[in-house]
């Protein structure tokens, strides 16, 4: 799955920037510390928008392409903010065979976002995932810590309405 860069405008604070600069200053001369700086930056901001990637690149003396390459290679990094309600739909074999792609398609239609994106109001984000270990309930989706199983497309609207 290709990661998408967020269409939501970056809203970093001066406090976040100061924290990131302190991390960079501490680690910039430590060989092999780029990934650790990126992990700490994601903890500070919640994701790695282009603006943060540019700060990391400048501070660490590497190209933005290097930072972006790492951010898009490793699943732990997010290029879009996470929503207040994080939706994850399982695309593991059992769920996929039982229609989980239809579930994702309906969520995308209702919320106007694709997998890897966040709604402009920051309320919802959507991710596709691999097996979550609830194959007997296929197809399965989670909203935060809430698990929903044996879903049909018709269930999506009712579930999302609980969180609006």
N, C-alpha and C. Protein backbone atom coordinates (compact mmCIF):
# COMPACT_ATOMS: atom_id res chain seq x y z
N UNK A 1 0.82 -1.17 0.00
CA UNK A 1 0.00 0.00 0.00
C UNK A 1 0.87 1.24 0.00
N UNK A 2 0.54 2.15 -0.87
CA UNK A 2 1.30 3.39 -0.97
C UNK A 2 0.83 4.37 0.11
N UNK A 3 1.79 5.01 0.75
CA UNK A 3 1.44 6.01 1.76
C UNK A 3 1.11 7.32 1.06
N UNK A 4 0.10 7.99 1.56
CA UNK A 4 -0.31 9.26 0.99
C UNK A 4 0.14 10.40 1.89
N UNK A 5 0.56 11.48 1.26
CA UNK A 5 0.89 12.68 2.02
C UNK A 5 -0.42 13.37 2.35
N UNK A 6 -0.51 13.90 3.53
CA UNK A 6 -1.74 14.49 4.01
C UNK A 6 -2.13 15.76 3.25
N UNK A 7 -3.43 15.91 3.00
CA UNK A 7 -3.95 17.13 2.41
C UNK A 7 -4.32 18.13 3.51
N UNK A 8 -4.22 17.70 4.75
CA UNK A 8 -4.55 18.56 5.89
C UNK A 8 -3.36 19.48 6.15
N UNK A 9 -3.59 20.79 6.26
CA UNK A 9 -2.48 21.72 6.50
C UNK A 9 -1.74 21.40 7.80
N UNK A 10 -0.42 21.55 7.75
CA UNK A 10 0.44 21.31 8.91
C UNK A 10 0.17 22.38 9.97
N UNK A 11 0.04 21.93 11.23
CA UNK A 11 -0.26 22.85 12.33
C UNK A 11 0.69 22.62 13.50
N UNK A 12 1.99 22.59 13.21
CA UNK A 12 2.96 22.41 14.28
C UNK A 12 3.04 23.63 15.17
N UNK A 13 3.39 23.41 16.42
CA UNK A 13 3.52 24.51 17.38
C UNK A 13 4.99 24.84 17.61
N UNK A 14 5.27 26.04 18.11
CA UNK A 14 6.66 26.38 18.46
C UNK A 14 7.25 25.42 19.50
N UNK A 15 6.42 24.93 20.41
CA UNK A 15 6.89 23.98 21.43
C UNK A 15 7.33 22.67 20.78
N UNK A 16 6.54 22.19 19.82
CA UNK A 16 6.91 20.96 19.12
C UNK A 16 8.21 21.15 18.35
N UNK A 17 8.34 22.28 17.68
CA UNK A 17 9.56 22.56 16.92
C UNK A 17 10.77 22.62 17.84
N UNK A 18 10.63 23.23 19.00
CA UNK A 18 11.73 23.31 19.96
C UNK A 18 12.15 21.91 20.43
N UNK A 19 11.15 21.05 20.69
CA UNK A 19 11.45 19.67 21.10
C UNK A 19 12.21 18.93 20.00
N UNK A 20 11.75 19.09 18.76
CA UNK A 20 12.41 18.41 17.65
C UNK A 20 13.84 18.93 17.48
N UNK A 21 14.02 20.22 17.56
CA UNK A 21 15.37 20.79 17.43
C UNK A 21 16.30 20.27 18.52
N UNK A 22 15.79 20.10 19.72
CA UNK A 22 16.59 19.56 20.82
C UNK A 22 17.00 18.11 20.53
N UNK A 23 16.07 17.33 20.00
CA UNK A 23 16.37 15.94 19.65
C UNK A 23 17.44 15.90 18.57
N UNK A 24 17.26 16.72 17.55
CA UNK A 24 18.23 16.75 16.44
C UNK A 24 19.61 17.17 16.96
N UNK A 25 19.64 18.19 17.79
CA UNK A 25 20.92 18.68 18.32
C UNK A 25 21.63 17.59 19.11
N UNK A 26 20.88 16.84 19.87
CA UNK A 26 21.45 15.76 20.69
C UNK A 26 21.99 14.61 19.83
N UNK A 27 21.35 14.35 18.69
CA UNK A 27 21.66 13.15 17.92
C UNK A 27 22.38 13.39 16.60
N UNK A 28 22.52 14.64 16.18
CA UNK A 28 23.02 14.89 14.82
C UNK A 28 24.43 14.38 14.55
N UNK A 29 25.23 14.21 15.57
CA UNK A 29 26.59 13.71 15.37
C UNK A 29 26.73 12.23 15.73
N UNK A 30 25.62 11.59 16.03
CA UNK A 30 25.64 10.17 16.37
C UNK A 30 25.36 9.37 15.09
N UNK A 31 26.33 8.58 14.68
CA UNK A 31 26.16 7.81 13.45
C UNK A 31 24.97 6.86 13.55
N UNK A 32 24.18 6.82 12.48
CA UNK A 32 23.04 5.91 12.42
C UNK A 32 21.83 6.34 13.23
N UNK A 33 21.76 7.61 13.60
CA UNK A 33 20.67 8.05 14.48
C UNK A 33 19.48 8.65 13.73
N UNK A 34 19.53 8.70 12.41
CA UNK A 34 18.45 9.32 11.64
C UNK A 34 17.10 8.69 11.95
N UNK A 35 17.04 7.37 11.94
CA UNK A 35 15.75 6.70 12.18
C UNK A 35 15.24 7.00 13.58
N UNK A 36 16.13 7.04 14.55
CA UNK A 36 15.72 7.36 15.92
C UNK A 36 15.17 8.78 16.00
N UNK A 37 15.79 9.71 15.31
CA UNK A 37 15.29 11.09 15.27
C UNK A 37 13.90 11.12 14.64
N UNK A 38 13.72 10.35 13.57
CA UNK A 38 12.42 10.29 12.92
C UNK A 38 11.36 9.70 13.85
N UNK A 39 11.72 8.67 14.60
CA UNK A 39 10.78 8.08 15.56
C UNK A 39 10.39 9.09 16.63
N UNK A 40 11.37 9.82 17.14
CA UNK A 40 11.07 10.82 18.17
C UNK A 40 10.24 11.96 17.59
N UNK A 41 10.53 12.34 16.34
CA UNK A 41 9.74 13.38 15.69
C UNK A 41 8.28 12.94 15.55
N UNK A 42 8.07 11.68 15.21
CA UNK A 42 6.70 11.19 15.09
C UNK A 42 6.01 11.18 16.45
N UNK A 43 6.74 10.88 17.51
CA UNK A 43 6.15 10.96 18.85
C UNK A 43 5.74 12.40 19.17
N UNK A 44 6.53 13.35 18.76
CA UNK A 44 6.25 14.76 19.04
C UNK A 44 5.04 15.24 18.24
N UNK A 45 5.00 14.94 16.95
CA UNK A 45 3.97 15.46 16.05
C UNK A 45 2.81 14.50 15.80
N UNK A 46 3.02 13.22 16.04
CA UNK A 46 1.99 12.23 15.76
C UNK A 46 2.08 11.65 14.36
N UNK A 47 2.84 12.28 13.50
CA UNK A 47 3.08 11.83 12.13
C UNK A 47 4.25 12.62 11.58
N UNK A 48 4.65 12.34 10.32
CA UNK A 48 5.80 13.02 9.73
C UNK A 48 5.41 13.79 8.46
N UNK A 49 4.81 14.97 8.65
CA UNK A 49 4.47 15.77 7.48
C UNK A 49 5.74 16.27 6.78
N UNK A 50 5.60 16.74 5.57
CA UNK A 50 6.74 17.21 4.79
C UNK A 50 7.55 18.26 5.55
N UNK A 51 6.88 19.16 6.24
CA UNK A 51 7.57 20.21 6.98
C UNK A 51 8.51 19.64 8.04
N UNK A 52 8.07 18.59 8.71
CA UNK A 52 8.90 17.94 9.73
C UNK A 52 10.04 17.18 9.06
N UNK A 53 9.76 16.52 7.95
CA UNK A 53 10.81 15.83 7.22
C UNK A 53 11.90 16.81 6.78
N UNK A 54 11.49 18.01 6.36
CA UNK A 54 12.45 19.03 5.94
C UNK A 54 13.30 19.50 7.12
N UNK A 55 12.69 19.66 8.30
CA UNK A 55 13.45 20.07 9.50
C UNK A 55 14.46 18.98 9.86
N UNK A 56 14.04 17.74 9.79
CA UNK A 56 14.93 16.62 10.12
C UNK A 56 16.10 16.59 9.14
N UNK A 57 15.79 16.68 7.85
CA UNK A 57 16.83 16.63 6.83
C UNK A 57 17.85 17.74 7.03
N UNK A 58 17.38 18.96 7.22
CA UNK A 58 18.29 20.10 7.40
C UNK A 58 19.13 19.92 8.66
N UNK A 59 18.51 19.51 9.73
CA UNK A 59 19.22 19.37 11.00
C UNK A 59 20.21 18.22 11.03
N UNK A 60 19.89 17.14 10.30
CA UNK A 60 20.74 15.95 10.31
C UNK A 60 21.75 15.94 9.16
N UNK A 61 21.65 16.93 8.27
CA UNK A 61 22.59 17.01 7.16
C UNK A 61 22.38 15.94 6.11
N UNK A 62 21.15 15.57 5.88
CA UNK A 62 20.81 14.59 4.84
C UNK A 62 19.76 15.20 3.92
N UNK A 63 19.46 14.53 2.83
CA UNK A 63 18.45 15.06 1.91
C UNK A 63 17.04 14.73 2.39
N UNK A 64 16.10 15.53 1.94
CA UNK A 64 14.68 15.25 2.24
C UNK A 64 14.31 13.90 1.61
N UNK A 65 14.92 13.59 0.47
CA UNK A 65 14.65 12.31 -0.19
C UNK A 65 15.04 11.14 0.70
N UNK A 66 16.16 11.28 1.43
CA UNK A 66 16.59 10.22 2.35
C UNK A 66 15.55 10.02 3.46
N UNK A 67 15.09 11.12 4.03
CA UNK A 67 14.11 11.05 5.11
C UNK A 67 12.79 10.46 4.58
N UNK A 68 12.35 10.95 3.44
CA UNK A 68 11.11 10.47 2.84
C UNK A 68 11.21 8.98 2.50
N UNK A 69 12.35 8.56 1.99
CA UNK A 69 12.55 7.16 1.65
C UNK A 69 12.38 6.25 2.86
N UNK A 70 12.93 6.66 3.98
CA UNK A 70 12.79 5.88 5.21
C UNK A 70 11.34 5.91 5.68
N UNK A 71 10.73 7.10 5.64
CA UNK A 71 9.35 7.26 6.12
C UNK A 71 8.37 6.42 5.32
N UNK A 72 8.63 6.26 4.03
CA UNK A 72 7.70 5.48 3.20
C UNK A 72 8.04 4.00 3.18
N UNK A 73 9.26 3.64 3.55
CA UNK A 73 9.64 2.23 3.56
C UNK A 73 9.13 1.51 4.79
N UNK A 74 9.23 2.14 5.95
CA UNK A 74 8.88 1.49 7.20
C UNK A 74 7.43 1.79 7.59
N UNK A 75 6.69 0.74 7.89
CA UNK A 75 5.27 0.86 8.23
C UNK A 75 5.02 1.67 9.50
N UNK A 76 6.02 1.78 10.38
CA UNK A 76 5.83 2.50 11.64
C UNK A 76 5.64 4.00 11.46
N UNK A 77 6.02 4.52 10.28
CA UNK A 77 5.92 5.96 10.05
C UNK A 77 4.64 6.31 9.31
N UNK A 78 4.02 7.41 9.71
CA UNK A 78 2.79 7.89 9.08
C UNK A 78 3.04 9.26 8.46
N UNK A 79 2.56 9.47 7.24
CA UNK A 79 2.71 10.76 6.57
C UNK A 79 1.46 11.62 6.76
N UNK A 80 0.41 11.04 7.30
CA UNK A 80 -0.84 11.75 7.55
C UNK A 80 -1.16 11.68 9.03
N UNK A 81 -1.83 12.70 9.54
CA UNK A 81 -2.21 12.65 10.96
C UNK A 81 -3.24 11.55 11.20
N UNK A 82 -3.31 11.08 12.41
CA UNK A 82 -4.30 10.09 12.80
C UNK A 82 -5.53 10.83 13.32
N UNK A 83 -6.69 10.30 13.02
CA UNK A 83 -7.92 10.92 13.45
C UNK A 83 -8.22 10.64 14.92
N UNK A 84 -9.14 11.40 15.45
CA UNK A 84 -9.63 11.18 16.81
C UNK A 84 -10.14 9.74 16.93
N UNK A 85 -10.79 9.27 15.87
CA UNK A 85 -11.28 7.89 15.82
C UNK A 85 -10.52 7.18 14.70
N UNK A 86 -9.64 6.27 15.09
CA UNK A 86 -8.82 5.55 14.12
C UNK A 86 -9.51 4.26 13.71
N UNK A 87 -9.85 4.19 12.44
CA UNK A 87 -10.55 3.03 11.89
C UNK A 87 -9.53 2.15 11.18
N UNK A 88 -9.59 0.86 11.47
CA UNK A 88 -8.71 -0.11 10.81
C UNK A 88 -9.58 -1.26 10.30
N UNK A 89 -9.42 -1.58 9.03
CA UNK A 89 -10.18 -2.68 8.44
C UNK A 89 -9.19 -3.77 8.04
N UNK A 90 -9.47 -4.98 8.48
CA UNK A 90 -8.59 -6.12 8.20
C UNK A 90 -8.75 -6.56 6.75
N UNK A 91 -7.61 -6.68 6.07
CA UNK A 91 -7.60 -7.22 4.71
C UNK A 91 -6.86 -8.57 4.66
N UNK A 92 -6.77 -9.22 5.81
CA UNK A 92 -6.20 -10.57 5.85
C UNK A 92 -7.07 -11.50 5.02
N UNK A 93 -6.58 -12.66 4.73
CA UNK A 93 -7.26 -13.58 3.81
C UNK A 93 -8.71 -13.85 4.18
N UNK A 94 -8.97 -14.24 5.43
CA UNK A 94 -10.35 -14.58 5.83
C UNK A 94 -11.28 -13.37 5.68
N UNK A 95 -10.81 -12.22 6.12
CA UNK A 95 -11.64 -11.01 6.02
C UNK A 95 -11.84 -10.58 4.57
N UNK A 96 -10.77 -10.66 3.79
CA UNK A 96 -10.87 -10.25 2.39
C UNK A 96 -11.86 -11.12 1.63
N UNK A 97 -11.76 -12.43 1.84
CA UNK A 97 -12.65 -13.37 1.16
C UNK A 97 -14.11 -13.10 1.55
N UNK A 98 -14.33 -12.64 2.77
CA UNK A 98 -15.70 -12.40 3.23
C UNK A 98 -16.16 -10.95 3.01
N UNK A 99 -15.39 -10.16 2.25
CA UNK A 99 -15.89 -8.86 1.82
C UNK A 99 -15.33 -7.62 2.50
N UNK A 100 -14.16 -7.70 3.10
CA UNK A 100 -13.64 -6.52 3.79
C UNK A 100 -13.33 -5.36 2.85
N UNK A 101 -13.01 -5.66 1.58
CA UNK A 101 -12.79 -4.55 0.63
C UNK A 101 -14.06 -3.74 0.45
N UNK A 102 -15.21 -4.39 0.47
CA UNK A 102 -16.49 -3.66 0.39
C UNK A 102 -16.67 -2.74 1.60
N UNK A 103 -16.19 -3.20 2.75
CA UNK A 103 -16.29 -2.39 3.98
C UNK A 103 -15.42 -1.13 3.82
N UNK A 104 -14.19 -1.30 3.37
CA UNK A 104 -13.31 -0.15 3.16
C UNK A 104 -13.91 0.80 2.13
N UNK A 105 -14.43 0.25 1.05
CA UNK A 105 -15.03 1.09 0.00
C UNK A 105 -16.18 1.92 0.56
N UNK A 106 -17.01 1.31 1.40
CA UNK A 106 -18.15 2.05 1.97
C UNK A 106 -17.67 3.13 2.94
N UNK A 107 -16.69 2.82 3.77
CA UNK A 107 -16.14 3.82 4.70
C UNK A 107 -15.56 4.99 3.90
N UNK A 108 -14.83 4.68 2.84
CA UNK A 108 -14.24 5.72 1.99
C UNK A 108 -15.32 6.60 1.38
N UNK A 109 -16.39 5.97 0.95
CA UNK A 109 -17.51 6.71 0.36
C UNK A 109 -18.16 7.63 1.39
N UNK A 110 -18.41 7.13 2.58
CA UNK A 110 -19.08 7.90 3.63
C UNK A 110 -18.21 9.04 4.14
N UNK A 111 -16.93 8.75 4.37
CA UNK A 111 -16.04 9.75 4.98
C UNK A 111 -15.28 10.59 3.97
N UNK A 112 -15.25 10.16 2.72
CA UNK A 112 -14.53 10.92 1.69
C UNK A 112 -13.01 10.83 1.80
N UNK A 113 -12.52 9.73 2.37
CA UNK A 113 -11.07 9.51 2.49
C UNK A 113 -10.73 8.12 2.02
N UNK A 114 -9.46 7.92 1.71
CA UNK A 114 -8.94 6.61 1.32
C UNK A 114 -8.11 6.06 2.47
N UNK A 115 -7.74 4.81 2.37
CA UNK A 115 -6.86 4.20 3.37
C UNK A 115 -5.58 5.03 3.47
N UNK A 116 -5.15 5.30 4.70
CA UNK A 116 -3.96 6.10 4.93
C UNK A 116 -4.25 7.58 5.07
N UNK A 117 -5.51 7.96 5.03
CA UNK A 117 -5.88 9.38 5.10
C UNK A 117 -6.69 9.69 6.36
N UNK A 118 -6.83 10.97 6.61
CA UNK A 118 -7.58 11.49 7.75
C UNK A 118 -8.60 12.49 7.21
N UNK A 119 -9.78 12.51 7.80
CA UNK A 119 -10.78 13.49 7.37
C UNK A 119 -10.27 14.90 7.69
N UNK A 120 -10.66 15.89 6.88
CA UNK A 120 -10.17 17.25 7.10
C UNK A 120 -10.46 17.81 8.50
N UNK A 121 -11.53 17.33 9.14
CA UNK A 121 -11.85 17.80 10.49
C UNK A 121 -11.07 17.06 11.58
N UNK A 122 -10.25 16.08 11.17
CA UNK A 122 -9.44 15.33 12.12
C UNK A 122 -10.21 14.32 12.95
N UNK A 123 -11.47 14.08 12.60
CA UNK A 123 -12.32 13.18 13.38
C UNK A 123 -12.01 11.70 13.12
N UNK A 124 -11.77 11.34 11.85
CA UNK A 124 -11.57 9.94 11.49
C UNK A 124 -10.31 9.76 10.64
N UNK A 125 -9.62 8.65 10.85
CA UNK A 125 -8.57 8.21 9.92
C UNK A 125 -8.86 6.76 9.59
N UNK A 126 -8.41 6.34 8.42
CA UNK A 126 -8.71 5.00 7.92
C UNK A 126 -7.42 4.31 7.52
N UNK A 127 -7.26 3.08 7.98
CA UNK A 127 -6.11 2.26 7.62
C UNK A 127 -6.60 0.85 7.26
N UNK A 128 -5.95 0.26 6.28
CA UNK A 128 -6.15 -1.16 6.00
C UNK A 128 -5.03 -1.88 6.74
N UNK A 129 -5.33 -3.02 7.32
CA UNK A 129 -4.29 -3.77 8.03
C UNK A 129 -4.35 -5.23 7.61
N UNK A 130 -3.36 -5.96 8.02
CA UNK A 130 -3.35 -7.39 7.79
C UNK A 130 -3.93 -8.07 9.03
N UNK A 131 -4.03 -9.32 9.04
CA UNK A 131 -4.74 -10.10 10.05
C UNK A 131 -4.62 -9.54 11.47
N UNK A 132 -5.77 -9.39 12.12
CA UNK A 132 -5.77 -8.92 13.52
C UNK A 132 -6.10 -10.06 14.48
N UNK A 133 -6.20 -11.28 13.95
CA UNK A 133 -6.41 -12.44 14.81
C UNK A 133 -7.85 -12.69 15.20
N UNK A 134 -8.78 -12.16 14.44
CA UNK A 134 -10.20 -12.40 14.73
C UNK A 134 -10.87 -13.01 13.50
N UNK A 135 -10.20 -13.97 12.90
CA UNK A 135 -10.66 -14.56 11.64
C UNK A 135 -12.07 -15.16 11.73
N UNK A 136 -12.43 -15.65 12.90
CA UNK A 136 -13.76 -16.23 13.08
C UNK A 136 -14.87 -15.20 13.00
N UNK A 137 -14.50 -13.92 13.10
CA UNK A 137 -15.48 -12.83 13.03
C UNK A 137 -15.45 -12.10 11.69
N UNK A 138 -14.73 -12.64 10.73
CA UNK A 138 -14.51 -11.97 9.44
C UNK A 138 -15.82 -11.60 8.74
N UNK A 139 -15.80 -10.43 8.09
CA UNK A 139 -14.78 -9.40 8.06
C UNK A 139 -14.84 -8.52 9.32
N UNK A 140 -13.67 -8.00 9.71
CA UNK A 140 -13.53 -7.27 10.97
C UNK A 140 -12.98 -5.88 10.73
N UNK A 141 -13.48 -4.93 11.54
CA UNK A 141 -12.89 -3.60 11.59
C UNK A 141 -12.83 -3.15 13.04
N UNK A 142 -11.90 -2.25 13.31
CA UNK A 142 -11.83 -1.66 14.64
C UNK A 142 -11.99 -0.15 14.51
N UNK A 143 -12.57 0.43 15.54
CA UNK A 143 -12.61 1.89 15.68
C UNK A 143 -12.03 2.12 17.06
N UNK A 144 -10.77 2.57 17.08
CA UNK A 144 -10.07 2.66 18.36
C UNK A 144 -9.95 1.26 18.94
N UNK A 145 -10.43 1.08 20.17
CA UNK A 145 -10.37 -0.23 20.83
C UNK A 145 -11.62 -1.08 20.61
N UNK A 146 -12.61 -0.53 19.91
CA UNK A 146 -13.86 -1.24 19.67
C UNK A 146 -13.71 -2.14 18.44
N UNK A 147 -14.11 -3.41 18.57
CA UNK A 147 -14.00 -4.38 17.48
C UNK A 147 -15.40 -4.71 16.96
N UNK A 148 -15.53 -4.70 15.63
CA UNK A 148 -16.80 -5.02 14.98
C UNK A 148 -16.55 -6.15 14.00
N UNK A 149 -17.34 -7.22 14.11
CA UNK A 149 -17.14 -8.37 13.25
C UNK A 149 -18.40 -8.80 12.53
N UNK A 150 -18.19 -9.73 11.61
CA UNK A 150 -19.25 -10.25 10.75
C UNK A 150 -20.00 -9.10 10.07
N UNK A 151 -19.22 -8.19 9.52
CA UNK A 151 -19.76 -6.96 8.95
C UNK A 151 -20.28 -7.14 7.53
N UNK A 152 -21.21 -6.27 7.21
CA UNK A 152 -21.64 -6.08 5.83
C UNK A 152 -21.53 -4.60 5.53
N UNK A 153 -21.59 -4.24 4.26
CA UNK A 153 -21.55 -2.82 3.89
C UNK A 153 -22.64 -2.04 4.61
N UNK A 154 -23.77 -2.67 4.80
CA UNK A 154 -24.91 -2.00 5.43
C UNK A 154 -24.62 -1.63 6.89
N UNK A 155 -23.68 -2.29 7.55
CA UNK A 155 -23.36 -1.99 8.95
C UNK A 155 -22.52 -0.72 9.12
N UNK A 156 -21.82 -0.32 8.08
CA UNK A 156 -20.85 0.78 8.19
C UNK A 156 -21.48 2.08 8.65
N UNK A 157 -22.58 2.49 8.05
CA UNK A 157 -23.20 3.78 8.39
C UNK A 157 -23.60 3.84 9.87
N UNK A 158 -24.19 2.77 10.37
CA UNK A 158 -24.62 2.71 11.76
C UNK A 158 -23.43 2.79 12.71
N UNK A 159 -22.37 2.07 12.37
CA UNK A 159 -21.17 2.08 13.22
C UNK A 159 -20.55 3.48 13.24
N UNK A 160 -20.37 4.08 12.07
CA UNK A 160 -19.75 5.41 12.02
C UNK A 160 -20.59 6.46 12.73
N UNK A 161 -21.91 6.31 12.68
CA UNK A 161 -22.80 7.28 13.34
C UNK A 161 -22.56 7.33 14.85
N UNK A 162 -22.12 6.24 15.44
CA UNK A 162 -21.84 6.20 16.88
C UNK A 162 -20.71 7.16 17.26
N UNK A 163 -19.82 7.48 16.31
CA UNK A 163 -18.62 8.25 16.60
C UNK A 163 -18.69 9.67 16.08
N UNK A 164 -19.77 10.04 15.42
CA UNK A 164 -19.86 11.39 14.85
C UNK A 164 -20.28 12.41 15.87
